[in-house]
Amino acid sequence: MKQQGTVTGLQLGAMTFVFVFSTTIAFLISPLAGAASFDGGLCIVLAAIFGTALATFSLRFALRQPSSYFGEYGGTLINKYLHKGILFLLSFFFLHLASYILREFTDFFIPTYLRETPPAAVGVLVMVAVASLTQSGVSTVFRFAQGCFLFIGVLFVFKPLFFLTAMDTPMWYEFTRIHDWKALWAQTYAIIPWYGELIMFSYIMPELNINPKIRKVIWVGSLAGTYILLVEFLLIMFFFGPKLAATLVYPALELTGFLHLGDFLRNTDALIVSIWFTGYFIKLSIIFTIGTLLCSQALSLSNYKPITFPLAVIVVSMSLILAKNPVQLAEYFNSSWATFALFIECLFFIYPLVFWIKSGRARSKGPAPKP
């Protein structure tokens, strides 16, 4: 087993940054505005803190053996059959999540840009590209993220500058107080798993170029992505208000109609969508890669490449049957997804819990008495 991976700190930070806000901007803001109104900004901040902490705590334990995949040596910490069961659950979670993201993409793209195109055809085309990137290796996905994040980040960092005049309103006061504690907790709980998905890094430790600041890199990347998401949420609330933002399917896209870069670029929709699609593709690729890797480890395969395309077919199939329409898909997310996701993400902590219990028992017994 190799001792040091090729994924650098910059690539890890870039992946975290893009992962946090890529699909979240498109699909989270509208339901968040409807459920939490002006408290949505605080929901995002609290969820970022708790979710990122969840991921970095898992990474702390995984760093005990940075040269080994957790999926391969986890069976030495707990019962091997239980370990395989957990791996299958984790694999299903990430592959199911990939199908969910793919379905969101087809529901968005087909009515707007690809009318009369069969959803299956779009799904197959996207997943062929994703599976091909996955077969190139985990580190390739991170390098792709590094190559794209600067362009993506620069656009969204400077985007608020074009809306500064609109943000000078009495509405600021509404963001400084809590309106509904129950809604605040409910929406924070629903968003935490979006950040908790970063726990995936603990399962690819041999791919990472380990350094003492690796957890700090994830925090920086996560908070930078949260800044983008938070600013986008504030802009949408300033322009549309909570009621209109809640009724818009894609308020972030509607917001681009107010953005003009002088006489050079009067309509930025195409630019914003193309950049968003890049971030979406990065997130889908890493999630699918993790799911494929965990499935191969659960099956005790030495290489995950032979099952990459078969699993891609399964992802496309699941995306087509997840729901009949976008409304039904959103209802599933709002009703049960958060609890399911948190349960799966927290399965990792079975291993440190068992490890610490066994270590405590060993210490309590102490050395055998001398004859």
Foldseek 3Di string as FASTA:
>chain_A
DDDFADQELLLLLLLLQLLLALVCQFFPLQQLLQLFNLLSLVLLVLLLVLLLVLQLVLLVVLVVRLQDFCLQCLCVLDPVVVSLVLLLLLLCVLLLVLLLLLLVVLQPCAVPPNDPDDSLVVLVVLLVVLLVQLLVDLSSLSVLSSVQRVVLLVCLVCVCVQCVVLLPDPCVVVNVDGDDPVSSVLSSLLCNLSSNVSSLCSRPSSNHRDDPCSSVSSSVSSVSSSVSSSSLSSLLCSVQNSVRSNVDSGSSLVSQCSDDPPPPRNGCNVVNVVSSVSSSSSNSSNSLSSSQVSNCSSVVHPDSSVCSVVSSVVSSVCSVPVDPHPVVSVVVSSPPPSVSSVVSSCVSVVSVVSVVVVVVVVVVVPDDDDD
